[in-house]
Amino acid sequence: MSNHAPVAKGSLVVSIKDNEYADKSATDLASDQDTWDTLSLIPSSANSADPLIATATITGGKLKITGVAAGTTTVTVKVTDGKASTNITVPVTVTP
């Protein structure tokens, strides 16, 4: 058995309005070549590059991105398969 780290899914962009949010699960954000592995988000790993545009938290096992003000930023979260982990960076656009 090999162990491959999770990898980011391509073309993932979150577009939301201010005061709205988007929930993303670990499998929305990443995939794993080892199909028997279960992906999950590492609690407290969510970070917004600009919390004045969007905030990021992990709630109920999902990444919650909340729009604060119009603009663009990135959100980073760590996804694990229980053996290895990967930082996933998600571009976020918030519109009024």
N, C-alpha and C. Protein backbone atom coordinates (compact mmCIF):
# COMPACT_ATOMS: atom_id res chain seq x y z
N MET A 1 0.83 -1.19 0.00
CA MET A 1 0.00 0.00 0.00
C MET A 1 0.87 1.24 0.00
N SER A 2 0.52 2.18 -0.85
CA SER A 2 1.25 3.44 -0.87
C SER A 2 0.42 4.49 -0.16
N ASN A 3 1.07 5.58 0.21
CA ASN A 3 0.35 6.66 0.85
C ASN A 3 0.63 7.95 0.10
N HIS A 4 -0.37 8.43 -0.58
CA HIS A 4 -0.25 9.68 -1.31
C HIS A 4 -0.95 10.77 -0.52
N ALA A 5 -0.35 11.94 -0.47
CA ALA A 5 -0.97 13.07 0.21
C ALA A 5 -2.15 13.58 -0.63
N PRO A 6 -3.13 14.19 0.02
CA PRO A 6 -4.22 14.81 -0.73
C PRO A 6 -3.67 15.89 -1.66
N VAL A 7 -4.34 16.10 -2.78
CA VAL A 7 -3.95 17.15 -3.72
C VAL A 7 -5.15 18.05 -3.99
N ALA A 8 -4.87 19.32 -4.23
CA ALA A 8 -5.94 20.29 -4.48
C ALA A 8 -6.65 19.96 -5.77
N LYS A 9 -7.96 20.15 -5.77
CA LYS A 9 -8.73 20.03 -7.00
C LYS A 9 -8.51 21.29 -7.81
N GLY A 10 -8.36 21.16 -9.11
CA GLY A 10 -8.10 22.30 -9.97
C GLY A 10 -9.33 23.19 -10.14
N SER A 11 -9.08 24.42 -10.50
CA SER A 11 -10.13 25.39 -10.86
C SER A 11 -11.11 25.69 -9.73
N LEU A 12 -10.68 25.56 -8.50
CA LEU A 12 -11.58 25.86 -7.40
C LEU A 12 -11.51 27.35 -7.09
N VAL A 13 -12.62 28.04 -7.29
CA VAL A 13 -12.74 29.46 -6.97
C VAL A 13 -14.07 29.64 -6.26
N VAL A 14 -14.08 30.41 -5.19
CA VAL A 14 -15.31 30.70 -4.48
C VAL A 14 -15.71 32.14 -4.78
N SER A 15 -16.94 32.32 -5.26
CA SER A 15 -17.50 33.65 -5.50
C SER A 15 -18.74 33.79 -4.64
N ILE A 16 -18.73 34.79 -3.76
CA ILE A 16 -19.85 35.02 -2.85
C ILE A 16 -20.11 36.52 -2.76
N LYS A 17 -21.25 36.86 -2.21
CA LYS A 17 -21.57 38.26 -1.94
C LYS A 17 -21.19 38.57 -0.50
N ASP A 18 -21.01 39.88 -0.21
CA ASP A 18 -20.73 40.21 1.18
C ASP A 18 -21.94 39.83 2.04
N ASN A 19 -21.65 39.41 3.25
CA ASN A 19 -22.65 38.92 4.21
C ASN A 19 -23.26 37.58 3.81
N GLU A 20 -22.71 36.90 2.82
CA GLU A 20 -23.12 35.54 2.49
C GLU A 20 -21.93 34.61 2.75
N TYR A 21 -22.18 33.30 2.70
CA TYR A 21 -21.09 32.36 2.94
C TYR A 21 -21.20 31.17 2.01
N ALA A 22 -20.08 30.45 1.93
CA ALA A 22 -20.01 29.20 1.17
C ALA A 22 -19.38 28.15 2.08
N ASP A 23 -19.95 26.96 2.09
CA ASP A 23 -19.40 25.82 2.83
C ASP A 23 -18.72 24.88 1.85
N LYS A 24 -17.53 24.43 2.20
CA LYS A 24 -16.79 23.48 1.36
C LYS A 24 -16.29 22.34 2.24
N SER A 25 -16.52 21.11 1.78
CA SER A 25 -16.01 19.95 2.51
C SER A 25 -14.59 19.63 2.04
N ALA A 26 -13.94 18.75 2.74
CA ALA A 26 -12.58 18.34 2.35
C ALA A 26 -12.58 17.75 0.94
N THR A 27 -13.61 16.99 0.58
CA THR A 27 -13.65 16.39 -0.75
C THR A 27 -14.02 17.40 -1.84
N ASP A 28 -14.59 18.56 -1.45
CA ASP A 28 -14.81 19.64 -2.42
C ASP A 28 -13.47 20.28 -2.80
N LEU A 29 -12.54 20.27 -1.86
CA LEU A 29 -11.28 20.98 -2.01
C LEU A 29 -10.13 20.12 -2.53
N ALA A 30 -10.16 18.82 -2.22
CA ALA A 30 -9.01 17.97 -2.53
C ALA A 30 -9.46 16.56 -2.91
N SER A 31 -8.53 15.83 -3.49
CA SER A 31 -8.74 14.42 -3.79
C SER A 31 -7.50 13.65 -3.35
N ASP A 32 -7.63 12.34 -3.28
CA ASP A 32 -6.51 11.51 -2.84
C ASP A 32 -6.45 10.29 -3.75
N GLN A 33 -5.27 10.00 -4.24
CA GLN A 33 -5.07 8.85 -5.12
C GLN A 33 -5.40 7.54 -4.39
N ASP A 34 -5.20 7.53 -3.09
CA ASP A 34 -5.52 6.35 -2.28
C ASP A 34 -7.01 6.40 -1.96
N THR A 35 -7.82 5.75 -2.77
CA THR A 35 -9.27 5.88 -2.68
C THR A 35 -9.84 5.38 -1.36
N TRP A 36 -9.11 4.59 -0.60
CA TRP A 36 -9.59 4.09 0.67
C TRP A 36 -9.41 5.12 1.79
N ASP A 37 -8.66 6.18 1.54
CA ASP A 37 -8.45 7.22 2.56
C ASP A 37 -9.66 8.13 2.66
N THR A 38 -9.95 8.55 3.88
CA THR A 38 -11.03 9.52 4.12
C THR A 38 -10.40 10.88 4.35
N LEU A 39 -10.82 11.86 3.57
CA LEU A 39 -10.28 13.21 3.70
C LEU A 39 -11.05 14.00 4.74
N SER A 40 -10.33 14.84 5.49
CA SER A 40 -10.97 15.73 6.46
C SER A 40 -10.15 17.01 6.58
N LEU A 41 -10.78 18.03 7.11
CA LEU A 41 -10.11 19.30 7.35
C LEU A 41 -9.49 19.29 8.73
N ILE A 42 -8.32 19.87 8.86
CA ILE A 42 -7.67 19.96 10.17
C ILE A 42 -8.26 21.17 10.91
N PRO A 43 -8.88 20.93 12.07
CA PRO A 43 -9.49 22.03 12.82
C PRO A 43 -8.49 23.16 13.07
N SER A 44 -8.98 24.36 13.06
CA SER A 44 -8.19 25.58 13.31
C SER A 44 -7.14 25.87 12.25
N SER A 45 -7.20 25.20 11.10
CA SER A 45 -6.20 25.45 10.05
C SER A 45 -6.65 26.48 9.03
N ALA A 46 -7.91 26.92 9.09
CA ALA A 46 -8.43 27.88 8.11
C ALA A 46 -7.86 29.27 8.36
N ASN A 47 -7.42 29.91 7.28
CA ASN A 47 -6.83 31.24 7.40
C ASN A 47 -7.16 32.05 6.14
N SER A 48 -7.63 33.27 6.36
CA SER A 48 -7.90 34.18 5.25
C SER A 48 -6.72 35.14 5.13
N ALA A 49 -6.25 35.36 3.90
CA ALA A 49 -5.16 36.30 3.68
C ALA A 49 -5.61 37.73 3.99
N ASP A 50 -6.90 38.02 3.83
CA ASP A 50 -7.44 39.34 4.13
C ASP A 50 -8.81 39.21 4.78
N PRO A 51 -8.84 39.13 6.13
CA PRO A 51 -10.11 38.95 6.83
C PRO A 51 -11.05 40.14 6.71
N LEU A 52 -10.59 41.26 6.15
CA LEU A 52 -11.48 42.39 5.90
C LEU A 52 -12.32 42.16 4.65
N ILE A 53 -11.93 41.17 3.82
CA ILE A 53 -12.69 40.80 2.62
C ILE A 53 -13.49 39.53 2.87
N ALA A 54 -12.86 38.51 3.46
CA ALA A 54 -13.56 37.26 3.76
C ALA A 54 -12.92 36.60 4.98
N THR A 55 -13.75 35.97 5.79
CA THR A 55 -13.24 35.22 6.93
C THR A 55 -13.36 33.73 6.62
N ALA A 56 -12.60 32.93 7.35
CA ALA A 56 -12.61 31.48 7.14
C ALA A 56 -12.57 30.77 8.48
N THR A 57 -13.49 29.83 8.66
CA THR A 57 -13.53 29.00 9.87
C THR A 57 -13.88 27.58 9.45
N ILE A 58 -13.60 26.65 10.34
CA ILE A 58 -14.03 25.27 10.12
C ILE A 58 -15.14 24.99 11.13
N THR A 59 -16.33 24.70 10.59
CA THR A 59 -17.51 24.47 11.42
C THR A 59 -18.17 23.19 10.95
N GLY A 60 -18.40 22.28 11.88
CA GLY A 60 -19.06 21.02 11.51
C GLY A 60 -18.31 20.22 10.48
N GLY A 61 -16.98 20.33 10.48
CA GLY A 61 -16.17 19.58 9.53
C GLY A 61 -16.10 20.19 8.15
N LYS A 62 -16.66 21.40 7.97
CA LYS A 62 -16.63 22.08 6.67
C LYS A 62 -15.94 23.43 6.80
N LEU A 63 -15.32 23.83 5.72
CA LEU A 63 -14.72 25.16 5.63
C LEU A 63 -15.85 26.14 5.34
N LYS A 64 -16.00 27.14 6.19
CA LYS A 64 -17.02 28.17 5.99
C LYS A 64 -16.30 29.47 5.64
N ILE A 65 -16.54 29.96 4.41
CA ILE A 65 -15.96 31.21 3.94
C ILE A 65 -17.08 32.24 3.92
N THR A 66 -16.90 33.32 4.66
CA THR A 66 -17.94 34.35 4.78
C THR A 66 -17.44 35.65 4.17
N GLY A 67 -18.23 36.21 3.25
CA GLY A 67 -17.89 37.48 2.63
C GLY A 67 -18.09 38.63 3.60
N VAL A 68 -17.12 39.54 3.66
CA VAL A 68 -17.18 40.69 4.55
C VAL A 68 -17.34 41.98 3.75
N ALA A 69 -16.54 42.13 2.70
CA ALA A 69 -16.57 43.32 1.85
C ALA A 69 -16.10 42.95 0.45
N ALA A 70 -16.45 43.76 -0.53
CA ALA A 70 -16.07 43.48 -1.91
C ALA A 70 -14.56 43.46 -2.08
N GLY A 71 -14.08 42.50 -2.87
CA GLY A 71 -12.66 42.38 -3.16
C GLY A 71 -12.27 40.95 -3.42
N THR A 72 -10.97 40.70 -3.51
CA THR A 72 -10.47 39.34 -3.72
C THR A 72 -9.42 39.03 -2.66
N THR A 73 -9.36 37.79 -2.28
CA THR A 73 -8.39 37.32 -1.30
C THR A 73 -8.19 35.82 -1.53
N THR A 74 -7.44 35.19 -0.67
CA THR A 74 -7.30 33.74 -0.70
C THR A 74 -7.54 33.20 0.71
N VAL A 75 -8.02 31.97 0.74
CA VAL A 75 -8.21 31.26 1.99
C VAL A 75 -7.37 30.00 1.91
N THR A 76 -6.66 29.71 2.97
CA THR A 76 -5.84 28.50 3.04
C THR A 76 -6.36 27.61 4.15
N VAL A 77 -6.42 26.31 3.87
CA VAL A 77 -6.88 25.32 4.85
C VAL A 77 -6.05 24.06 4.65
N LYS A 78 -5.88 23.29 5.70
CA LYS A 78 -5.11 22.06 5.62
C LYS A 78 -6.07 20.86 5.55
N VAL A 79 -5.85 20.00 4.53
CA VAL A 79 -6.64 18.78 4.33
C VAL A 79 -5.74 17.59 4.64
N THR A 80 -6.29 16.61 5.37
CA THR A 80 -5.52 15.42 5.72
C THR A 80 -6.27 14.15 5.32
N ASP A 81 -5.49 13.11 5.07
CA ASP A 81 -6.08 11.79 4.82
C ASP A 81 -5.82 10.87 6.02
N GLY A 82 -5.36 11.47 7.12
CA GLY A 82 -5.07 10.70 8.33
C GLY A 82 -3.61 10.31 8.44
N LYS A 83 -2.87 10.40 7.33
CA LYS A 83 -1.45 10.06 7.32
C LYS A 83 -0.60 11.22 6.83
N ALA A 84 -1.09 11.91 5.82
CA ALA A 84 -0.38 13.05 5.25
C ALA A 84 -1.36 14.21 5.11
N SER A 85 -0.82 15.41 5.03
CA SER A 85 -1.70 16.57 4.86
C SER A 85 -1.13 17.52 3.82
N THR A 86 -2.01 18.38 3.30
CA THR A 86 -1.65 19.33 2.27
C THR A 86 -2.37 20.64 2.54
N ASN A 87 -1.67 21.76 2.34
CA ASN A 87 -2.32 23.06 2.39
C ASN A 87 -3.01 23.32 1.06
N ILE A 88 -4.27 23.70 1.13
CA ILE A 88 -5.06 24.03 -0.05
C ILE A 88 -5.35 25.53 -0.02
N THR A 89 -5.07 26.21 -1.12
CA THR A 89 -5.33 27.65 -1.21
C THR A 89 -6.48 27.86 -2.20
N VAL A 90 -7.49 28.59 -1.72
CA VAL A 90 -8.70 28.82 -2.50
C VAL A 90 -8.83 30.31 -2.79
N PRO A 91 -8.85 30.70 -4.08
CA PRO A 91 -9.12 32.10 -4.41
C PRO A 91 -10.58 32.43 -4.07
N VAL A 92 -10.79 33.62 -3.49
CA VAL A 92 -12.13 34.03 -3.10
C VAL A 92 -12.41 35.42 -3.67
N THR A 93 -13.56 35.56 -4.33
CA THR A 93 -14.03 36.85 -4.81
C THR A 93 -15.33 37.18 -4.10
N VAL A 94 -15.36 38.37 -3.49
CA VAL A 94 -16.56 38.84 -2.81
C VAL A 94 -17.10 40.04 -3.59
N THR A 95 -18.40 39.99 -3.90
CA THR A 95 -19.04 41.09 -4.63
C THR A 95 -20.08 41.75 -3.72
N PRO A 96 -20.37 43.02 -3.98
CA PRO A 96 -21.35 43.71 -3.14
C PRO A 96 -22.77 43.17 -3.33
